[in-house]
Amino acid sequence: MRIIETAIPGPLIIEPRVFGDDRGFFMESWNASAFREAGLDLNFVQDNHSRSARGVLRGLHFQNPNPQGKLVRVAAGRVWDVAVDIRRSSPHFGQWVGVELSAANKRMFWVPEGFAHGFVSLEDGTDFLYKCTALYEPASDHSLLWNDPAIGIEWPLEGLEPQLSGKDQQAKTLAEIEAFA
C-alpha cells in the first residue's frame, strides 16, 4: 500500500495494492499488521455503511468528547471527502483537505481524531464505508457547518443544491463549535 500525506499533518490518502484480472479484482482494505508497519497502529471498534444519492452531503461530523478516527472508502460510486482540523492548538486550525474517493480509484482516507469529517456524493447509489476508532455516542455528536465561509471548503457541487439532514441544517460555525484543545 502507498500512503500519501496531505497538506495538513494527520489526514492521509491510502492507496491499497489492487490485484486484478479479467475476473475482477482483489484488495485488502484493512490489515492491522500492514497499517501498523506504515505507522498507523489503529484499533477499530465500529464499522458503518451509508448509501447516498447524488448531491447528498453528510457532515461535517465530529464527536467531542470521545473523538473518532475514521478510515473511509467508497465501494460503489464516488464522493468528495473532506477533513477539517478543529484542534484549536493546531497551526492548521480551521484548514481543510479534500480527496475524491471512488469505487474506481479504490483510495481510502484516514481522518484522525480532532478533525470534522464529511462528504458529498457525486453519483447516485454511492456506498460509503468507514471504520471508527470509537463507538458512536449521540450525546457527543456534533456538526460543523459545511459551508462556513471561515473555512471555505470548495465542494464540487456541479450545479447541485446539497441535500442535508436536519442535524446538518442546524450545524454550527467554526467560531461556535466546541473544538478540541
C-alpha atoms as a PDB file:
ATOM      1  CA  MET A   1       0.000   0.000   0.000  1.00  0.00           C
ATOM      2  CA  ARG A   2       1.062   3.561  -0.639  1.00  0.00           C
ATOM      3  CA  ILE A   3       0.482   6.363   1.893  1.00  0.00           C
ATOM      4  CA  ILE A   4       0.160   9.930   0.620  1.00  0.00           C
ATOM      5  CA  GLU A   5       0.475  12.820   3.071  1.00  0.00           C
ATOM      6  CA  THR A   6      -1.918  15.742   2.722  1.00  0.00           C
ATOM      7  CA  ALA A   7      -1.376  19.492   3.126  1.00  0.00           C
ATOM      8  CA  ILE A   8      -2.403  19.156   6.792  1.00  0.00           C
ATOM      9  CA  PRO A   9      -0.465  16.729   9.003  1.00  0.00           C
ATOM     10  CA  GLY A  10      -2.684  13.854  10.162  1.00  0.00           C
ATOM     11  CA  PRO A  11      -5.139  13.022   7.382  1.00  0.00           C
ATOM     12  CA  LEU A  12      -3.681  10.541   4.897  1.00  0.00           C
ATOM     13  CA  ILE A  13      -4.663   9.193   1.498  1.00  0.00           C
ATOM     14  CA  ILE A  14      -4.105   5.456   1.308  1.00  0.00           C
ATOM     15  CA  GLU A  15      -3.805   3.569  -1.956  1.00  0.00           C
ATOM     16  CA  PRO A  16      -4.116  -0.172  -1.407  1.00  0.00           C
ATOM     17  CA  ARG A  17      -2.436  -2.758  -3.589  1.00  0.00           C
ATOM     18  CA  VAL A  18      -5.036  -3.971  -6.058  1.00  0.00           C
ATOM     19  CA  PHE A  19      -4.721  -7.235  -7.942  1.00  0.00           C
ATOM     20  CA  GLY A  20      -6.972  -7.515 -10.969  1.00  0.00           C
ATOM     21  CA  ASP A  21      -7.601  -9.675 -13.979  1.00  0.00           C
ATOM     22  CA  ASP A  22     -10.490 -10.434 -16.334  1.00  0.00           C
ATOM     23  CA  ARG A  23     -12.485 -11.858 -13.399  1.00  0.00           C
ATOM     24  CA  GLY A  24     -12.375  -8.653 -11.339  1.00  0.00           C
ATOM     25  CA  PHE A  25     -10.048  -7.517  -8.563  1.00  0.00           C
ATOM     26  CA  PHE A  26      -8.847  -8.268  -5.026  1.00  0.00           C
ATOM     27  CA  MET A  27      -7.531  -5.825  -2.422  1.00  0.00           C
ATOM     28  CA  GLU A  28      -7.016  -5.712   1.321  1.00  0.00           C
ATOM     29  CA  SER A  29      -8.994  -2.795   2.693  1.00  0.00           C
ATOM     30  CA  TRP A  30      -7.718  -3.410   6.223  1.00  0.00           C
ATOM     31  CA  ASN A  31      -4.739  -5.344   7.570  1.00  0.00           C
ATOM     32  CA  ALA A  32      -3.710  -4.410  11.119  1.00  0.00           C
ATOM     33  CA  SER A  33      -0.128  -5.555  10.635  1.00  0.00           C
ATOM     34  CA  ALA A  34       0.419  -3.683   7.357  1.00  0.00           C
ATOM     35  CA  PHE A  35      -1.134  -0.486   8.734  1.00  0.00           C
ATOM     36  CA  ARG A  36       0.949  -0.764  11.929  1.00  0.00           C
ATOM     37  CA  GLU A  37       4.111  -1.133   9.809  1.00  0.00           C
ATOM     38  CA  ALA A  38       3.059   2.056   7.977  1.00  0.00           C
ATOM     39  CA  GLY A  39       2.797   3.913  11.316  1.00  0.00           C
ATOM     40  CA  LEU A  40      -0.964   3.577  11.801  1.00  0.00           C
ATOM     41  CA  ASP A  41      -1.473   1.426  14.889  1.00  0.00           C
ATOM     42  CA  LEU A  42      -5.269   1.611  14.967  1.00  0.00           C
ATOM     43  CA  ASN A  43      -7.936  -0.188  16.970  1.00  0.00           C
ATOM     44  CA  PHE A  44     -11.292  -0.110  15.202  1.00  0.00           C
ATOM     45  CA  VAL A  45     -14.453  -0.783  17.215  1.00  0.00           C
ATOM     46  CA  GLN A  46     -17.258   0.028  14.778  1.00  0.00           C
ATOM     47  CA  ASP A  47     -17.900  -0.242  11.028  1.00  0.00           C
ATOM     48  CA  ASN A  48     -20.514   1.904   9.256  1.00  0.00           C
ATOM     49  CA  HIS A  49     -22.020   1.812   5.782  1.00  0.00           C
ATOM     50  CA  SER A  50     -24.141   4.516   4.153  1.00  0.00           C
ATOM     51  CA  ARG A  51     -25.758   4.771   0.730  1.00  0.00           C
ATOM     52  CA  SER A  52     -26.389   8.187  -0.788  1.00  0.00           C
ATOM     53  CA  ALA A  53     -27.965   9.690  -3.863  1.00  0.00           C
ATOM     54  CA  ARG A  54     -26.086  12.250  -5.942  1.00  0.00           C
ATOM     55  CA  GLY A  55     -25.947  15.582  -4.093  1.00  0.00           C
ATOM     56  CA  VAL A  56     -26.359  14.196  -0.578  1.00  0.00           C
ATOM     57  CA  LEU A  57     -23.936  15.994   1.714  1.00  0.00           C
ATOM     58  CA  ARG A  58     -23.199  14.306   5.048  1.00  0.00           C
ATOM     59  CA  GLY A  59     -21.274  16.295   7.626  1.00  0.00           C
ATOM     60  CA  LEU A  60     -19.176  17.822   8.777  1.00  0.00           C
ATOM     61  CA  HIS A  61     -19.371  15.489  11.792  1.00  0.00           C
ATOM     62  CA  PHE A  62     -17.240  15.001  14.875  1.00  0.00           C
ATOM     63  CA  GLN A  63     -17.574  13.705  18.414  1.00  0.00           C
ATOM     64  CA  ASN A  64     -16.408  15.727  21.402  1.00  0.00           C
ATOM     65  CA  PRO A  65     -15.804  14.171  23.853  1.00  0.00           C
ATOM     66  CA  ASN A  66     -14.996  10.627  22.698  1.00  0.00           C
ATOM     67  CA  PRO A  67     -13.479  11.604  19.321  1.00  0.00           C
ATOM     68  CA  GLN A  68     -13.403   9.104  16.484  1.00  0.00           C
ATOM     69  CA  GLY A  69     -10.658   8.404  13.990  1.00  0.00           C
ATOM     70  CA  LYS A  70     -12.143   7.169  10.707  1.00  0.00           C
ATOM     71  CA  LEU A  71     -10.750   5.109   7.844  1.00  0.00           C
ATOM     72  CA  VAL A  72     -13.133   5.732   4.948  1.00  0.00           C
ATOM     73  CA  ARG A  73     -13.598   4.399   1.427  1.00  0.00           C
ATOM     74  CA  VAL A  74     -16.170   4.062  -1.339  1.00  0.00           C
ATOM     75  CA  ALA A  75     -17.357   0.647  -2.542  1.00  0.00           C
ATOM     76  CA  ALA A  76     -19.739   1.959  -5.253  1.00  0.00           C
ATOM     77  CA  GLY A  77     -19.976   5.434  -6.796  1.00  0.00           C
ATOM     78  CA  ARG A  78     -17.826   8.393  -5.831  1.00  0.00           C
ATOM     79  CA  VAL A  79     -17.596  11.199  -3.275  1.00  0.00           C
ATOM     80  CA  TRP A  80     -15.660  14.348  -2.456  1.00  0.00           C
ATOM     81  CA  ASP A  81     -14.429  13.652   1.072  1.00  0.00           C
ATOM     82  CA  VAL A  82     -13.264  16.402   3.440  1.00  0.00           C
ATOM     83  CA  ALA A  83     -11.457  16.654   6.785  1.00  0.00           C
ATOM     84  CA  VAL A  84     -11.298  19.943   8.748  1.00  0.00           C
ATOM     85  CA  ASP A  85      -8.764  20.479  11.532  1.00  0.00           C
ATOM     86  CA  ILE A  86     -10.742  21.551  14.619  1.00  0.00           C
ATOM     87  CA  ARG A  87      -7.892  21.413  17.156  1.00  0.00           C
ATOM     88  CA  ARG A  88      -7.544  24.978  18.496  1.00  0.00           C
ATOM     89  CA  SER A  89      -3.884  24.397  19.408  1.00  0.00           C
ATOM     90  CA  SER A  90      -3.032  23.283  15.859  1.00  0.00           C
ATOM     91  CA  PRO A  91      -1.309  25.702  13.480  1.00  0.00           C
ATOM     92  CA  HIS A  92      -3.743  24.311  10.864  1.00  0.00           C
ATOM     93  CA  PHE A  93      -6.926  25.044  12.879  1.00  0.00           C
ATOM     94  CA  GLY A  94      -9.848  25.670  10.513  1.00  0.00           C
ATOM     95  CA  GLN A  95      -7.999  24.389   7.449  1.00  0.00           C
ATOM     96  CA  TRP A  96      -9.359  21.571   5.308  1.00  0.00           C
ATOM     97  CA  VAL A  97      -8.174  18.881   2.931  1.00  0.00           C
ATOM     98  CA  GLY A  98     -10.284  17.040   0.389  1.00  0.00           C
ATOM     99  CA  VAL A  99      -9.911  13.992  -1.804  1.00  0.00           C
ATOM    100  CA  GLU A 100     -12.068  12.208  -4.336  1.00  0.00           C
ATOM    101  CA  LEU A 101     -12.789   8.649  -3.270  1.00  0.00           C
ATOM    102  CA  SER A 102     -14.423   6.272  -5.714  1.00  0.00           C
ATOM    103  CA  ALA A 103     -15.042   2.642  -6.475  1.00  0.00           C
ATOM    104  CA  ALA A 104     -12.789   3.150  -9.496  1.00  0.00           C
ATOM    105  CA  ASN A 105      -9.747   4.646  -7.715  1.00  0.00           C
ATOM    106  CA  LYS A 106     -10.139   2.441  -4.588  1.00  0.00           C
ATOM    107  CA  ARG A 107      -8.432   5.083  -2.442  1.00  0.00           C
ATOM    108  CA  MET A 108      -9.005   5.273   1.300  1.00  0.00           C
ATOM    109  CA  PHE A 109      -8.780   8.333   3.523  1.00  0.00           C
ATOM    110  CA  TRP A 110      -7.589   8.329   7.138  1.00  0.00           C
ATOM    111  CA  VAL A 111      -9.282  11.081   9.188  1.00  0.00           C
ATOM    112  CA  PRO A 112      -7.709  11.197  12.663  1.00  0.00           C
ATOM    113  CA  GLU A 113      -9.275  12.340  15.925  1.00  0.00           C
ATOM    114  CA  GLY A 114      -9.516  16.117  16.177  1.00  0.00           C
ATOM    115  CA  PHE A 115     -10.953  16.560  12.680  1.00  0.00           C
ATOM    116  CA  ALA A 116     -14.500  17.128  11.476  1.00  0.00           C
ATOM    117  CA  HIS A 117     -15.397  14.875   8.556  1.00  0.00           C
ATOM    118  CA  GLY A 118     -17.924  14.990   5.757  1.00  0.00           C
ATOM    119  CA  PHE A 119     -18.540  14.129   2.136  1.00  0.00           C
ATOM    120  CA  VAL A 120     -20.797  14.890  -0.797  1.00  0.00           C
ATOM    121  CA  SER A 121     -21.976  12.057  -3.017  1.00  0.00           C
ATOM    122  CA  LEU A 122     -21.177  12.693  -6.673  1.00  0.00           C
ATOM    123  CA  GLU A 123     -23.148   9.717  -8.049  1.00  0.00           C
ATOM    124  CA  ASP A 124     -26.444   8.023  -7.281  1.00  0.00           C
ATOM    125  CA  GLY A 125     -26.133   4.815  -5.282  1.00  0.00           C
ATOM    126  CA  THR A 126     -22.827   5.697  -3.657  1.00  0.00           C
ATOM    127  CA  ASP A 127     -21.874   3.224  -0.924  1.00  0.00           C
ATOM    128  CA  PHE A 128     -19.578   4.785   1.682  1.00  0.00           C
ATOM    129  CA  LEU A 129     -17.805   2.584   4.250  1.00  0.00           C
ATOM    130  CA  TYR A 130     -15.976   3.681   7.352  1.00  0.00           C
ATOM    131  CA  LYS A 131     -14.174   2.091  10.242  1.00  0.00           C
ATOM    132  CA  CYS A 132     -14.184   4.031  13.536  1.00  0.00           C
ATOM    133  CA  THR A 133     -11.784   4.003  16.476  1.00  0.00           C
ATOM    134  CA  ALA A 134     -14.532   4.898  18.997  1.00  0.00           C
ATOM    135  CA  LEU A 135     -18.175   3.966  19.283  1.00  0.00           C
ATOM    136  CA  TYR A 136     -20.854   6.402  18.174  1.00  0.00           C
ATOM    137  CA  GLU A 137     -22.208   8.407  21.119  1.00  0.00           C
ATOM    138  CA  PRO A 138     -25.243  10.579  20.301  1.00  0.00           C
ATOM    139  CA  ALA A 139     -24.555  12.936  23.224  1.00  0.00           C
ATOM    140  CA  SER A 140     -21.030  13.633  21.853  1.00  0.00           C
ATOM    141  CA  ASP A 141     -22.072  14.014  18.215  1.00  0.00           C
ATOM    142  CA  HIS A 142     -21.771  17.484  16.626  1.00  0.00           C
ATOM    143  CA  SER A 143     -21.974  19.071  13.176  1.00  0.00           C
ATOM    144  CA  LEU A 144     -19.756  21.801  11.777  1.00  0.00           C
ATOM    145  CA  LEU A 145     -21.433  23.945   9.100  1.00  0.00           C
ATOM    146  CA  TRP A 146     -20.500  22.516   5.694  1.00  0.00           C
ATOM    147  CA  ASN A 147     -20.341  25.945   4.009  1.00  0.00           C
ATOM    148  CA  ASP A 148     -18.875  28.074   6.799  1.00  0.00           C
ATOM    149  CA  PRO A 149     -17.082  30.927   4.964  1.00  0.00           C
ATOM    150  CA  ALA A 150     -14.412  30.943   7.693  1.00  0.00           C
ATOM    151  CA  ILE A 151     -13.322  27.517   6.395  1.00  0.00           C
ATOM    152  CA  GLY A 152     -14.044  27.968   2.681  1.00  0.00           C
ATOM    153  CA  ILE A 153     -14.365  24.365   1.540  1.00  0.00           C
ATOM    154  CA  GLU A 154     -14.522  24.088  -2.233  1.00  0.00           C
ATOM    155  CA  TRP A 155     -17.276  21.492  -2.685  1.00  0.00           C
ATOM    156  CA  PRO A 156     -17.658  20.199  -6.282  1.00  0.00           C
ATOM    157  CA  LEU A 157     -21.434  20.507  -6.275  1.00  0.00           C
ATOM    158  CA  GLU A 158     -21.646  20.529 -10.084  1.00  0.00           C
ATOM    159  CA  GLY A 159     -24.706  22.809 -10.010  1.00  0.00           C
ATOM    160  CA  LEU A 160     -26.453  20.788  -7.295  1.00  0.00           C
ATOM    161  CA  GLU A 161     -28.213  22.081  -4.213  1.00  0.00           C
ATOM    162  CA  PRO A 162     -26.833  19.799  -1.486  1.00  0.00           C
ATOM    163  CA  GLN A 163     -29.307  17.587   0.357  1.00  0.00           C
ATOM    164  CA  LEU A 164     -28.709  17.842   4.123  1.00  0.00           C
ATOM    165  CA  SER A 165     -30.099  16.061   7.157  1.00  0.00           C
ATOM    166  CA  GLY A 166     -31.994  18.080   9.767  1.00  0.00           C
ATOM    167  CA  LYS A 167     -28.982  17.814  12.064  1.00  0.00           C
ATOM    168  CA  ASP A 168     -26.630  19.171   9.402  1.00  0.00           C
ATOM    169  CA  GLN A 169     -29.020  22.023   8.607  1.00  0.00           C
ATOM    170  CA  GLN A 170     -28.610  23.104  12.264  1.00  0.00           C
ATOM    171  CA  ALA A 171     -24.788  22.805  12.236  1.00  0.00           C
ATOM    172  CA  LYS A 172     -22.630  25.418  13.952  1.00  0.00           C
ATOM    173  CA  THR A 173     -19.856  27.561  12.513  1.00  0.00           C
ATOM    174  CA  LEU A 174     -16.198  27.075  13.372  1.00  0.00           C
ATOM    175  CA  ALA A 175     -16.456  30.018  15.809  1.00  0.00           C
ATOM    176  CA  GLU A 176     -19.429  28.396  17.567  1.00  0.00           C
ATOM    177  CA  ILE A 177     -18.362  24.749  17.927  1.00  0.00           C
ATOM    178  CA  GLU A 178     -16.761  23.219  20.976  1.00  0.00           C
ATOM    179  CA  ALA A 179     -13.428  22.494  19.291  1.00  0.00           C
ATOM    180  CA  PHE A 180     -10.656  20.317  20.664  1.00  0.00           C
ATOM    181  CA  ALA A 181      -7.869  21.852  22.737  1.00  0.00           C
END
